[in-house]
């Protein structure tokens, strides 16, 4: 069964042209930017290893836009903020949350 069947998903094209369907975990603010945390899904719509992708997120004319985070310090701050958010959530069905 697809555990993310009713979740909002986005399709990413990675730098190597691989297309990956991802479940949106959350959007959140850290510092002066907003970020989005995405969980890649396999062809069965399931997460295989709990890996999370974090991108800078903004809306342009009402359309979502994702940007890579190029700065290590910014990525660290965004990751820390996501981990803090995760600690406040109750993910009893989310077995691999320790891997995030």
C-alpha atoms as a PDB file:
ATOM      1  CA  UNK A   1       0.000   0.000   0.000  1.00  0.00           C
ATOM      2  CA  UNK A   2       1.230   3.522  -0.805  1.00  0.00           C
ATOM      3  CA  UNK A   3       1.700   5.223   2.573  1.00  0.00           C
ATOM      4  CA  UNK A   4       1.777   8.665   0.884  1.00  0.00           C
ATOM      5  CA  UNK A   5      -1.230   8.099  -1.378  1.00  0.00           C
ATOM      6  CA  UNK A   6      -3.205  11.070  -0.034  1.00  0.00           C
ATOM      7  CA  UNK A   7      -0.245  13.415   0.430  1.00  0.00           C
ATOM      8  CA  UNK A   8       0.723  16.379  -1.735  1.00  0.00           C
ATOM      9  CA  UNK A   9       3.529  15.398  -4.088  1.00  0.00           C
ATOM     10  CA  UNK A  10       5.875  17.198  -6.483  1.00  0.00           C
ATOM     11  CA  UNK A  11       7.940  15.873  -9.347  1.00  0.00           C
ATOM     12  CA  UNK A  12      11.616  16.875  -9.395  1.00  0.00           C
ATOM     13  CA  UNK A  13      14.121  16.561 -12.182  1.00  0.00           C
ATOM     14  CA  UNK A  14      17.549  16.157 -10.574  1.00  0.00           C
ATOM     15  CA  UNK A  15      20.852  17.421 -11.999  1.00  0.00           C
ATOM     16  CA  UNK A  16      21.458  14.007 -13.585  1.00  0.00           C
ATOM     17  CA  UNK A  17      18.042  14.230 -15.354  1.00  0.00           C
ATOM     18  CA  UNK A  18      16.566  11.591 -13.026  1.00  0.00           C
ATOM     19  CA  UNK A  19      12.871  12.273 -12.364  1.00  0.00           C
ATOM     20  CA  UNK A  20      11.785  11.712  -8.767  1.00  0.00           C
ATOM     21  CA  UNK A  21       8.308  11.938  -7.258  1.00  0.00           C
ATOM     22  CA  UNK A  22       8.448  13.384  -3.732  1.00  0.00           C
ATOM     23  CA  UNK A  23       5.951  13.779  -0.918  1.00  0.00           C
ATOM     24  CA  UNK A  24       5.871  17.262   0.590  1.00  0.00           C
ATOM     25  CA  UNK A  25       6.683  16.916   4.291  1.00  0.00           C
ATOM     26  CA  UNK A  26       6.397  20.603   5.205  1.00  0.00           C
ATOM     27  CA  UNK A  27       7.307  24.146   4.342  1.00  0.00           C
ATOM     28  CA  UNK A  28       8.944  26.227   7.071  1.00  0.00           C
ATOM     29  CA  UNK A  29      10.909  29.397   7.702  1.00  0.00           C
ATOM     30  CA  UNK A  30      14.509  29.536   8.896  1.00  0.00           C
ATOM     31  CA  UNK A  31      16.280  32.869   9.018  1.00  0.00           C
ATOM     32  CA  UNK A  32      15.141  35.072   6.155  1.00  0.00           C
ATOM     33  CA  UNK A  33      14.051  32.293   3.778  1.00  0.00           C
ATOM     34  CA  UNK A  34      11.271  29.756   3.469  1.00  0.00           C
ATOM     35  CA  UNK A  35      12.181  26.114   2.798  1.00  0.00           C
ATOM     36  CA  UNK A  36      10.436  22.944   1.703  1.00  0.00           C
ATOM     37  CA  UNK A  37      11.267  19.426   2.893  1.00  0.00           C
ATOM     38  CA  UNK A  38      10.588  16.632   0.405  1.00  0.00           C
ATOM     39  CA  UNK A  39      10.623  12.865   0.816  1.00  0.00           C
ATOM     40  CA  UNK A  40      11.589  10.957  -2.363  1.00  0.00           C
ATOM     41  CA  UNK A  41       9.249   8.077  -3.212  1.00  0.00           C
ATOM     42  CA  UNK A  42       9.935   4.922  -5.211  1.00  0.00           C
ATOM     43  CA  UNK A  43       7.756   3.646  -8.068  1.00  0.00           C
ATOM     44  CA  UNK A  44       5.368   2.158  -5.469  1.00  0.00           C
ATOM     45  CA  UNK A  45       4.923   5.548  -3.791  1.00  0.00           C
ATOM     46  CA  UNK A  46       6.906   4.573  -0.706  1.00  0.00           C
ATOM     47  CA  UNK A  47       9.975   6.009   0.977  1.00  0.00           C
ATOM     48  CA  UNK A  48      12.865   3.576   0.852  1.00  0.00           C
ATOM     49  CA  UNK A  49      15.398   5.080   3.248  1.00  0.00           C
ATOM     50  CA  UNK A  50      13.963   8.227   4.838  1.00  0.00           C
ATOM     51  CA  UNK A  51      16.262  10.552   2.886  1.00  0.00           C
ATOM     52  CA  UNK A  52      14.939  14.116   2.845  1.00  0.00           C
ATOM     53  CA  UNK A  53      15.574  16.808   0.226  1.00  0.00           C
ATOM     54  CA  UNK A  54      15.557  20.422   1.410  1.00  0.00           C
ATOM     55  CA  UNK A  55      15.178  23.323  -1.021  1.00  0.00           C
ATOM     56  CA  UNK A  56      14.650  27.051  -0.711  1.00  0.00           C
ATOM     57  CA  UNK A  57      10.962  27.644  -1.447  1.00  0.00           C
ATOM     58  CA  UNK A  58       9.113  30.690  -2.709  1.00  0.00           C
ATOM     59  CA  UNK A  59       6.046  31.511  -4.720  1.00  0.00           C
ATOM     60  CA  UNK A  60       6.347  33.628  -7.834  1.00  0.00           C
ATOM     61  CA  UNK A  61       3.028  34.946  -9.154  1.00  0.00           C
ATOM     62  CA  UNK A  62       1.257  32.253  -7.131  1.00  0.00           C
ATOM     63  CA  UNK A  63       3.391  29.435  -8.567  1.00  0.00           C
ATOM     64  CA  UNK A  64       5.755  27.442  -6.301  1.00  0.00           C
ATOM     65  CA  UNK A  65       9.456  27.675  -7.081  1.00  0.00           C
ATOM     66  CA  UNK A  66      12.310  25.598  -5.639  1.00  0.00           C
ATOM     67  CA  UNK A  67      15.925  26.716  -5.518  1.00  0.00           C
ATOM     68  CA  UNK A  68      19.032  24.767  -4.582  1.00  0.00           C
ATOM     69  CA  UNK A  69      20.764  25.902  -1.413  1.00  0.00           C
ATOM     70  CA  UNK A  70      24.319  26.698  -2.492  1.00  0.00           C
ATOM     71  CA  UNK A  71      25.717  28.013   0.813  1.00  0.00           C
ATOM     72  CA  UNK A  72      26.825  25.420   3.407  1.00  0.00           C
ATOM     73  CA  UNK A  73      25.943  27.657   6.367  1.00  0.00           C
ATOM     74  CA  UNK A  74      22.462  28.304   4.969  1.00  0.00           C
ATOM     75  CA  UNK A  75      21.931  24.576   4.349  1.00  0.00           C
ATOM     76  CA  UNK A  76      23.040  23.792   7.909  1.00  0.00           C
ATOM     77  CA  UNK A  77      20.591  26.362   9.317  1.00  0.00           C
ATOM     78  CA  UNK A  78      17.762  25.008   7.126  1.00  0.00           C
ATOM     79  CA  UNK A  79      18.566  21.413   8.168  1.00  0.00           C
ATOM     80  CA  UNK A  80      18.700  22.340  11.860  1.00  0.00           C
ATOM     81  CA  UNK A  81      15.341  24.113  11.619  1.00  0.00           C
ATOM     82  CA  UNK A  82      13.825  21.069   9.888  1.00  0.00           C
ATOM     83  CA  UNK A  83      15.172  18.726  12.576  1.00  0.00           C
ATOM     84  CA  UNK A  84      13.694  20.991  15.271  1.00  0.00           C
ATOM     85  CA  UNK A  85      10.342  20.893  13.463  1.00  0.00           C
ATOM     86  CA  UNK A  86      10.544  17.083  13.219  1.00  0.00           C
ATOM     87  CA  UNK A  87      11.078  16.837  16.971  1.00  0.00           C
ATOM     88  CA  UNK A  88       7.741  18.575  17.541  1.00  0.00           C
ATOM     89  CA  UNK A  89       5.805  16.153  15.322  1.00  0.00           C
ATOM     90  CA  UNK A  90       4.174  12.837  16.154  1.00  0.00           C
ATOM     91  CA  UNK A  91       5.213  10.412  13.420  1.00  0.00           C
ATOM     92  CA  UNK A  92       4.084   7.096  14.845  1.00  0.00           C
ATOM     93  CA  UNK A  93       3.634   5.724  11.296  1.00  0.00           C
ATOM     94  CA  UNK A  94       6.915   7.208  10.081  1.00  0.00           C
ATOM     95  CA  UNK A  95       9.383   4.393  10.797  1.00  0.00           C
ATOM     96  CA  UNK A  96      12.507   5.969   9.251  1.00  0.00           C
ATOM     97  CA  UNK A  97      12.205   9.435  10.841  1.00  0.00           C
ATOM     98  CA  UNK A  98      15.491   8.872  12.746  1.00  0.00           C
ATOM     99  CA  UNK A  99      17.340   8.854   9.405  1.00  0.00           C
ATOM    100  CA  UNK A 100      16.348  12.423   8.537  1.00  0.00           C
END
